[in-house]
Each structure stands twice: as structure tokens, then as C-alpha cells.
């Protein structure tokens, strides 16, 4: 049986406070998964310190910085960049 690959994708816009509160449990869940699991954050042009926070505290999290805030449609742009 082929191993499953999981990508937990989080859409963020000025959510530094929420990321600080919830990323520890999300990152731990990804680490504890029996499947290959990664965490990705789509940042929708945040003006707070969301991206800085992620880069400093969660170096294993993939960060996609949207060129413009397309709200939920930013998922489409991100999905075009992954295999």
C-alpha cells in the first residue's frame, strides 16, 4: 500500500495571534501523523507579523505568500504551485 501524503493547508490574513495560539497543536499533529504530513500556510497579503512569526518559529512550515488577497480563491493559486 502506498503511503499517504497529507498537506494541512491554512489560509491566513492578519492572523498572527491565531497562528501563535494554534500552530503548536497543528505542527504537533503533523509530526505525530503516521503518514507523511506537512503544514502549509497561504498568506493573503497580511500586514501584521504573521509571515515573520512563522519563519522564526516554524521553519518546517511551507509559506506561500499570495501576490494579492483573493480571499478563498488564493487556494487555487497555491494549488497550481504544488505537485
PDB file of N, CA and C in Angstrom:
ATOM      1  N   UNK A   1       0.834  -1.183   0.000  1.00  0.00           N
ATOM      2  CA  UNK A   1       0.000   0.000   0.000  1.00  0.00           C
ATOM      3  C   UNK A   1       0.880   1.248   0.000  1.00  0.00           C
ATOM      4  N   UNK A   2       0.531   2.208  -0.839  1.00  0.00           N
ATOM      5  CA  UNK A   2       1.304   3.445  -0.955  1.00  0.00           C
ATOM      6  C   UNK A   2       1.053   4.349   0.258  1.00  0.00           C
ATOM      7  N   UNK A   3       2.127   4.939   0.760  1.00  0.00           N
ATOM      8  CA  UNK A   3       1.985   5.846   1.896  1.00  0.00           C
ATOM      9  C   UNK A   3       1.217   7.094   1.470  1.00  0.00           C
ATOM     10  N   UNK A   4       0.318   7.526   2.303  1.00  0.00           N
ATOM     11  CA  UNK A   4      -0.466   8.725   2.020  1.00  0.00           C
ATOM     12  C   UNK A   4       0.344   9.962   2.356  1.00  0.00           C
ATOM     13  N   UNK A   5       0.193  10.979   1.528  1.00  0.00           N
ATOM     14  CA  UNK A   5       0.835  12.263   1.781  1.00  0.00           C
ATOM     15  C   UNK A   5      -0.261  13.259   2.141  1.00  0.00           C
ATOM     16  N   UNK A   6      -0.072  13.925   3.250  1.00  0.00           N
ATOM     17  CA  UNK A   6      -1.071  14.865   3.757  1.00  0.00           C
ATOM     18  C   UNK A   6      -0.455  16.253   3.818  1.00  0.00           C
ATOM     19  N   UNK A   7      -1.224  17.237   3.396  1.00  0.00           N
ATOM     20  CA  UNK A   7      -0.801  18.634   3.494  1.00  0.00           C
ATOM     21  C   UNK A   7      -1.911  19.397   4.203  1.00  0.00           C
ATOM     22  N   UNK A   8      -1.631  19.840   5.405  1.00  0.00           N
ATOM     23  CA  UNK A   8      -2.584  20.669   6.146  1.00  0.00           C
ATOM     24  C   UNK A   8      -2.365  22.099   5.660  1.00  0.00           C
ATOM     25  N   UNK A   9      -3.376  22.655   5.002  1.00  0.00           N
ATOM     26  CA  UNK A   9      -3.253  23.986   4.402  1.00  0.00           C
ATOM     27  C   UNK A   9      -4.069  24.975   5.208  1.00  0.00           C
ATOM     28  N   UNK A  10      -3.400  26.032   5.651  1.00  0.00           N
ATOM     29  CA  UNK A  10      -4.045  27.068   6.457  1.00  0.00           C
ATOM     30  C   UNK A  10      -4.060  28.360   5.657  1.00  0.00           C
ATOM     31  N   UNK A  11      -5.227  28.944   5.529  1.00  0.00           N
ATOM     32  CA  UNK A  11      -5.363  30.251   4.881  1.00  0.00           C
ATOM     33  C   UNK A  11      -5.272  31.318   5.957  1.00  0.00           C
ATOM     34  N   UNK A  12      -4.391  32.275   5.773  1.00  0.00           N
ATOM     35  CA  UNK A  12      -4.151  33.293   6.801  1.00  0.00           C
ATOM     36  C   UNK A  12      -4.245  34.693   6.227  1.00  0.00           C
ATOM     37  N   UNK A  13      -4.874  35.569   6.992  1.00  0.00           N
ATOM     38  CA  UNK A  13      -4.838  37.006   6.718  1.00  0.00           C
ATOM     39  C   UNK A  13      -4.828  37.720   8.064  1.00  0.00           C
ATOM     40  N   UNK A  14      -3.701  38.332   8.377  1.00  0.00           N
ATOM     41  CA  UNK A  14      -3.523  39.055   9.639  1.00  0.00           C
ATOM     42  C   UNK A  14      -3.923  38.211  10.852  1.00  0.00           C
ATOM     43  N   UNK A  15      -3.516  36.965  10.833  1.00  0.00           N
ATOM     44  CA  UNK A  15      -3.875  36.060  11.915  1.00  0.00           C
ATOM     45  C   UNK A  15      -2.715  35.677  12.800  1.00  0.00           C
ATOM     46  N   UNK A  16      -1.772  36.581  12.999  1.00  0.00           N
ATOM     47  CA  UNK A  16      -0.598  36.254  13.818  1.00  0.00           C
ATOM     48  C   UNK A  16      -0.998  35.731  15.193  1.00  0.00           C
ATOM     49  N   UNK A  17      -1.970  36.353  15.808  1.00  0.00           N
ATOM     50  CA  UNK A  17      -2.422  35.906  17.129  1.00  0.00           C
ATOM     51  C   UNK A  17      -2.998  34.503  17.098  1.00  0.00           C
ATOM     52  N   UNK A  18      -3.780  34.215  16.073  1.00  0.00           N
ATOM     53  CA  UNK A  18      -4.351  32.874  15.932  1.00  0.00           C
ATOM     54  C   UNK A  18      -3.273  31.846  15.604  1.00  0.00           C
ATOM     55  N   UNK A  19      -2.328  32.224  14.754  1.00  0.00           N
ATOM     56  CA  UNK A  19      -1.222  31.312  14.439  1.00  0.00           C
ATOM     57  C   UNK A  19      -0.414  31.000  15.696  1.00  0.00           C
ATOM     58  N   UNK A  20      -0.143  32.017  16.481  1.00  0.00           N
ATOM     59  CA  UNK A  20       0.621  31.809  17.710  1.00  0.00           C
ATOM     60  C   UNK A  20      -0.116  30.866  18.656  1.00  0.00           C
ATOM     61  N   UNK A  21      -1.425  30.988  18.701  1.00  0.00           N
ATOM     62  CA  UNK A  21      -2.227  30.164  19.605  1.00  0.00           C
ATOM     63  C   UNK A  21      -2.387  28.726  19.105  1.00  0.00           C
ATOM     64  N   UNK A  22      -2.600  28.546  17.809  1.00  0.00           N
ATOM     65  CA  UNK A  22      -2.985  27.231  17.295  1.00  0.00           C
ATOM     66  C   UNK A  22      -1.892  26.462  16.542  1.00  0.00           C
ATOM     67  N   UNK A  23      -0.858  27.126  16.067  1.00  0.00           N
ATOM     68  CA  UNK A  23       0.187  26.414  15.329  1.00  0.00           C
ATOM     69  C   UNK A  23       0.893  25.335  16.148  1.00  0.00           C
ATOM     70  N   UNK A  24       1.106  25.530  17.440  1.00  0.00           N
ATOM     71  CA  UNK A  24       1.766  24.446  18.176  1.00  0.00           C
ATOM     72  C   UNK A  24       1.022  23.114  18.056  1.00  0.00           C
ATOM     73  N   UNK A  25      -0.293  23.120  18.194  1.00  0.00           N
ATOM     74  CA  UNK A  25      -1.041  21.863  18.126  1.00  0.00           C
ATOM     75  C   UNK A  25      -1.122  21.341  16.691  1.00  0.00           C
ATOM     76  N   UNK A  26      -1.194  22.237  15.716  1.00  0.00           N
ATOM     77  CA  UNK A  26      -1.228  21.809  14.316  1.00  0.00           C
ATOM     78  C   UNK A  26       0.113  21.174  13.934  1.00  0.00           C
ATOM     79  N   UNK A  27       1.201  21.831  14.296  1.00  0.00           N
ATOM     80  CA  UNK A  27       2.536  21.304  13.987  1.00  0.00           C
ATOM     81  C   UNK A  27       2.762  19.966  14.693  1.00  0.00           C
ATOM     82  N   UNK A  28       2.311  19.846  15.912  1.00  0.00           N
ATOM     83  CA  UNK A  28       2.465  18.585  16.651  1.00  0.00           C
ATOM     84  C   UNK A  28       1.642  17.475  16.004  1.00  0.00           C
ATOM     85  N   UNK A  29       0.430  17.783  15.575  1.00  0.00           N
ATOM     86  CA  UNK A  29      -0.406  16.783  14.908  1.00  0.00           C
ATOM     87  C   UNK A  29       0.271  16.298  13.622  1.00  0.00           C
ATOM     88  N   UNK A  30       0.877  17.210  12.877  1.00  0.00           N
ATOM     89  CA  UNK A  30       1.577  16.826  11.648  1.00  0.00           C
ATOM     90  C   UNK A  30       2.774  15.925  11.974  1.00  0.00           C
ATOM     91  N   UNK A  31       3.516  16.266  13.018  1.00  0.00           N
ATOM     92  CA  UNK A  31       4.672  15.453  13.417  1.00  0.00           C
ATOM     93  C   UNK A  31       4.251  14.059  13.881  1.00  0.00           C
ATOM     94  N   UNK A  32       3.115  13.971  14.563  1.00  0.00           N
ATOM     95  CA  UNK A  32       2.660  12.705  15.137  1.00  0.00           C
ATOM     96  C   UNK A  32       1.924  11.815  14.132  1.00  0.00           C
ATOM     97  N   UNK A  33       1.610  12.344  12.984  1.00  0.00           N
ATOM     98  CA  UNK A  33       0.868  11.571  11.987  1.00  0.00           C
ATOM     99  C   UNK A  33       1.646  10.331  11.560  1.00  0.00           C
ATOM    100  N   UNK A  34       0.933   9.250  11.327  1.00  0.00           N
ATOM    101  CA  UNK A  34       1.594   8.043  10.833  1.00  0.00           C
ATOM    102  C   UNK A  34       1.847   8.136   9.331  1.00  0.00           C
ATOM    103  N   UNK A  35       1.334   9.188   8.714  1.00  0.00           N
ATOM    104  CA  UNK A  35       1.531   9.421   7.286  1.00  0.00           C
ATOM    105  C   UNK A  35       2.503  10.589   7.087  1.00  0.00           C
ATOM    106  N   UNK A  36       3.043  10.706   5.888  1.00  0.00           N
ATOM    107  CA  UNK A  36       3.883  11.854   5.560  1.00  0.00           C
ATOM    108  C   UNK A  36       2.983  13.087   5.594  1.00  0.00           C
ATOM    109  N   UNK A  37       3.235  13.979   6.506  1.00  0.00           N
ATOM    110  CA  UNK A  37       2.337  15.114   6.725  1.00  0.00           C
ATOM    111  C   UNK A  37       3.141  16.401   6.826  1.00  0.00           C
ATOM    112  N   UNK A  38       2.697  17.410   6.096  1.00  0.00           N
ATOM    113  CA  UNK A  38       3.339  18.712   6.192  1.00  0.00           C
ATOM    114  C   UNK A  38       2.268  19.774   6.434  1.00  0.00           C
ATOM    115  N   UNK A  39       2.728  20.938   6.848  1.00  0.00           N
ATOM    116  CA  UNK A  39       1.837  22.071   7.100  1.00  0.00           C
ATOM    117  C   UNK A  39       2.235  23.192   6.153  1.00  0.00           C
ATOM    118  N   UNK A  40       1.243  23.763   5.484  1.00  0.00           N
ATOM    119  CA  UNK A  40       1.465  24.893   4.587  1.00  0.00           C
ATOM    120  C   UNK A  40       0.538  26.026   4.993  1.00  0.00           C
ATOM    121  N   UNK A  41       1.043  27.243   4.896  1.00  0.00           N
ATOM    122  CA  UNK A  41       0.236  28.424   5.182  1.00  0.00           C
ATOM    123  C   UNK A  41       0.197  29.287   3.931  1.00  0.00           C
ATOM    124  N   UNK A  42      -1.009  29.631   3.509  1.00  0.00           N
ATOM    125  CA  UNK A  42      -1.197  30.584   2.422  1.00  0.00           C
ATOM    126  C   UNK A  42      -1.427  31.925   3.096  1.00  0.00           C
ATOM    127  N   UNK A  43      -0.514  32.847   2.898  1.00  0.00           N
ATOM    128  CA  UNK A  43      -0.681  34.178   3.494  1.00  0.00           C
ATOM    129  C   UNK A  43      -1.259  35.127   2.452  1.00  0.00           C
ATOM    130  N   UNK A  44      -2.396  35.709   2.790  1.00  0.00           N
ATOM    131  CA  UNK A  44      -3.149  36.580   1.884  1.00  0.00           C
ATOM    132  C   UNK A  44      -2.792  38.053   2.081  1.00  0.00           C
ATOM    133  N   UNK A  45      -1.504  38.369   1.888  1.00  0.00           N
ATOM    134  CA  UNK A  45      -1.034  39.765   1.978  1.00  0.00           C
ATOM    135  C   UNK A  45      -1.267  40.366   3.368  1.00  0.00           C
ATOM    136  N   UNK A  46      -0.922  39.614   4.390  1.00  0.00           N
ATOM    137  CA  UNK A  46      -1.071  40.116   5.760  1.00  0.00           C
ATOM    138  C   UNK A  46      -0.206  41.340   5.990  1.00  0.00           C
ATOM    139  N   UNK A  47      -0.718  42.246   6.817  1.00  0.00           N
ATOM    140  CA  UNK A  47       0.054  43.430   7.186  1.00  0.00           C
ATOM    141  C   UNK A  47       0.549  43.342   8.631  1.00  0.00           C
ATOM    142  N   UNK A  48       0.226  42.239   9.295  1.00  0.00           N
ATOM    143  CA  UNK A  48       0.766  42.035  10.641  1.00  0.00           C
ATOM    144  C   UNK A  48       2.060  41.225  10.516  1.00  0.00           C
ATOM    145  N   UNK A  49       2.511  40.640  11.581  1.00  0.00           N
ATOM    146  CA  UNK A  49       3.786  39.918  11.543  1.00  0.00           C
ATOM    147  C   UNK A  49       3.607  38.411  11.353  1.00  0.00           C
ATOM    148  N   UNK A  50       2.541  37.994  10.697  1.00  0.00           N
ATOM    149  CA  UNK A  50       2.252  36.566  10.514  1.00  0.00           C
ATOM    150  C   UNK A  50       3.409  35.817   9.858  1.00  0.00           C
ATOM    151  N   UNK A  51       3.894  36.320   8.739  1.00  0.00           N
ATOM    152  CA  UNK A  51       4.944  35.621   7.990  1.00  0.00           C
ATOM    153  C   UNK A  51       6.247  35.619   8.786  1.00  0.00           C
ATOM    154  N   UNK A  52       6.576  36.729   9.400  1.00  0.00           N
ATOM    155  CA  UNK A  52       7.794  36.802  10.231  1.00  0.00           C
ATOM    156  C   UNK A  52       7.705  35.790  11.368  1.00  0.00           C
ATOM    157  N   UNK A  53       6.561  35.752  12.028  1.00  0.00           N
ATOM    158  CA  UNK A  53       6.350  34.798  13.117  1.00  0.00           C
ATOM    159  C   UNK A  53       6.566  33.364  12.645  1.00  0.00           C
ATOM    160  N   UNK A  54       5.936  32.998  11.529  1.00  0.00           N
ATOM    161  CA  UNK A  54       6.064  31.638  11.010  1.00  0.00           C
ATOM    162  C   UNK A  54       7.507  31.316  10.653  1.00  0.00           C
ATOM    163  N   UNK A  55       8.186  32.236   9.998  1.00  0.00           N
ATOM    164  CA  UNK A  55       9.578  31.983   9.595  1.00  0.00           C
ATOM    165  C   UNK A  55      10.500  31.817  10.799  1.00  0.00           C
ATOM    166  N   UNK A  56      10.216  32.545  11.872  1.00  0.00           N
ATOM    167  CA  UNK A  56      11.061  32.460  13.063  1.00  0.00           C
ATOM    168  C   UNK A  56      10.769  31.207  13.888  1.00  0.00           C
ATOM    169  N   UNK A  57       9.504  30.870  14.043  1.00  0.00           N
ATOM    170  CA  UNK A  57       9.109  29.796  14.967  1.00  0.00           C
ATOM    171  C   UNK A  57       8.856  28.452  14.304  1.00  0.00           C
ATOM    172  N   UNK A  58       8.505  28.447  13.028  1.00  0.00           N
ATOM    173  CA  UNK A  58       8.095  27.202  12.361  1.00  0.00           C
ATOM    174  C   UNK A  58       8.813  27.068  11.027  1.00  0.00           C
ATOM    175  N   UNK A  59      10.090  26.795  11.097  1.00  0.00           N
ATOM    176  CA  UNK A  59      10.920  26.712   9.893  1.00  0.00           C
ATOM    177  C   UNK A  59      10.517  25.549   8.979  1.00  0.00           C
ATOM    178  N   UNK A  60       9.835  24.550   9.512  1.00  0.00           N
ATOM    179  CA  UNK A  60       9.408  23.413   8.702  1.00  0.00           C
ATOM    180  C   UNK A  60       8.050  23.632   8.033  1.00  0.00           C
ATOM    181  N   UNK A  61       7.415  24.764   8.295  1.00  0.00           N
ATOM    182  CA  UNK A  61       6.134  25.088   7.667  1.00  0.00           C
ATOM    183  C   UNK A  61       6.393  25.781   6.335  1.00  0.00           C
ATOM    184  N   UNK A  62       5.705  25.295   5.309  1.00  0.00           N
ATOM    185  CA  UNK A  62       5.809  25.905   3.985  1.00  0.00           C
ATOM    186  C   UNK A  62       4.919  27.149   3.945  1.00  0.00           C
ATOM    187  N   UNK A  63       5.466  28.259   3.468  1.00  0.00           N
ATOM    188  CA  UNK A  63       4.704  29.520   3.411  1.00  0.00           C
ATOM    189  C   UNK A  63       4.566  29.944   1.954  1.00  0.00           C
ATOM    190  N   UNK A  64       3.339  30.131   1.542  1.00  0.00           N
ATOM    191  CA  UNK A  64       3.051  30.660   0.210  1.00  0.00           C
ATOM    192  C   UNK A  64       2.492  32.067   0.406  1.00  0.00           C
ATOM    193  N   UNK A  65       3.200  33.059  -0.108  1.00  0.00           N
ATOM    194  CA  UNK A  65       2.729  34.439   0.009  1.00  0.00           C
ATOM    195  C   UNK A  65       1.991  34.812  -1.272  1.00  0.00           C
ATOM    196  N   UNK A  66       0.680  34.978  -1.140  1.00  0.00           N
ATOM    197  CA  UNK A  66      -0.152  35.316  -2.292  1.00  0.00           C
ATOM    198  C   UNK A  66       0.247  36.681  -2.848  1.00  0.00           C
ATOM    199  N   UNK A  67       0.177  36.816  -4.163  1.00  0.00           N
ATOM    200  CA  UNK A  67       0.511  38.084  -4.807  1.00  0.00           C
ATOM    201  C   UNK A  67      -0.548  39.139  -4.531  1.00  0.00           C
ATOM    202  N   UNK A  68      -1.780  38.683  -4.323  1.00  0.00           N
ATOM    203  CA  UNK A  68      -2.878  39.576  -3.935  1.00  0.00           C
ATOM    204  C   UNK A  68      -3.841  38.774  -3.088  1.00  0.00           C
ATOM    205  N   UNK A  69      -4.635  39.466  -2.289  1.00  0.00           N
ATOM    206  CA  UNK A  69      -5.594  38.797  -1.428  1.00  0.00           C
ATOM    207  C   UNK A  69      -6.842  38.471  -2.242  1.00  0.00           C
ATOM    208  N   UNK A  70      -6.941  37.218  -2.644  1.00  0.00           N
ATOM    209  CA  UNK A  70      -8.110  36.756  -3.390  1.00  0.00           C
ATOM    210  C   UNK A  70      -9.073  35.990  -2.488  1.00  0.00           C
ATOM    211  N   UNK A  71      -8.958  36.199  -1.214  1.00  0.00           N
ATOM    212  CA  UNK A  71      -9.760  35.513  -0.199  1.00  0.00           C
ATOM    213  C   UNK A  71      -9.615  33.997  -0.417  1.00  0.00           C
ATOM    214  N   UNK A  72     -10.690  33.243  -0.485  1.00  0.00           N
ATOM    215  CA  UNK A  72     -10.597  31.790  -0.646  1.00  0.00           C
ATOM    216  C   UNK A  72      -9.999  31.370  -1.980  1.00  0.00           C
ATOM    217  N   UNK A  73     -10.104  32.199  -2.986  1.00  0.00           N
ATOM    218  CA  UNK A  73      -9.554  31.854  -4.309  1.00  0.00           C
ATOM    219  C   UNK A  73      -8.027  31.765  -4.290  1.00  0.00           C
ATOM    220  N   UNK A  74      -7.384  32.247  -3.237  1.00  0.00           N
ATOM    221  CA  UNK A  74      -5.932  32.099  -3.112  1.00  0.00           C
ATOM    222  C   UNK A  74      -5.533  30.632  -3.043  1.00  0.00           C
ATOM    223  N   UNK A  75      -6.450  29.774  -2.592  1.00  0.00           N
ATOM    224  CA  UNK A  75      -6.172  28.338  -2.595  1.00  0.00           C
ATOM    225  C   UNK A  75      -5.857  27.864  -4.012  1.00  0.00           C
ATOM    226  N   UNK A  76      -6.595  28.348  -5.001  1.00  0.00           N
ATOM    227  CA  UNK A  76      -6.379  27.930  -6.387  1.00  0.00           C
ATOM    228  C   UNK A  76      -4.963  28.259  -6.849  1.00  0.00           C
ATOM    229  N   UNK A  77      -4.509  29.471  -6.560  1.00  0.00           N
ATOM    230  CA  UNK A  77      -3.152  29.870  -6.949  1.00  0.00           C
ATOM    231  C   UNK A  77      -2.115  28.984  -6.265  1.00  0.00           C
ATOM    232  N   UNK A  78      -2.319  28.712  -4.992  1.00  0.00           N
ATOM    233  CA  UNK A  78      -1.381  27.851  -4.255  1.00  0.00           C
ATOM    234  C   UNK A  78      -1.357  26.441  -4.842  1.00  0.00           C
ATOM    235  N   UNK A  79      -2.525  25.872  -5.084  1.00  0.00           N
ATOM    236  CA  UNK A  79      -2.602  24.502  -5.585  1.00  0.00           C
ATOM    237  C   UNK A  79      -1.925  24.337  -6.936  1.00  0.00           C
ATOM    238  N   UNK A  80      -1.864  25.401  -7.725  1.00  0.00           N
ATOM    239  CA  UNK A  80      -1.173  25.336  -9.005  1.00  0.00           C
ATOM    240  C   UNK A  80       0.343  25.207  -8.835  1.00  0.00           C
ATOM    241  N   UNK A  81       0.861  25.526  -7.653  1.00  0.00           N
ATOM    242  CA  UNK A  81       2.308  25.503  -7.433  1.00  0.00           C
ATOM    243  C   UNK A  81       2.808  24.177  -6.874  1.00  0.00           C
ATOM    244  N   UNK A  82       1.912  23.283  -6.476  1.00  0.00           N
ATOM    245  CA  UNK A  82       2.348  22.013  -5.864  1.00  0.00           C
ATOM    246  C   UNK A  82       2.095  20.853  -6.813  1.00  0.00           C
ATOM    247  N   UNK A  83       2.824  19.745  -6.569  1.00  0.00           N
ATOM    248  CA  UNK A  83       2.635  18.560  -7.412  1.00  0.00           C
ATOM    249  C   UNK A  83       1.467  17.762  -6.913  1.00  0.00           C
TER     250      UNK A  83
END
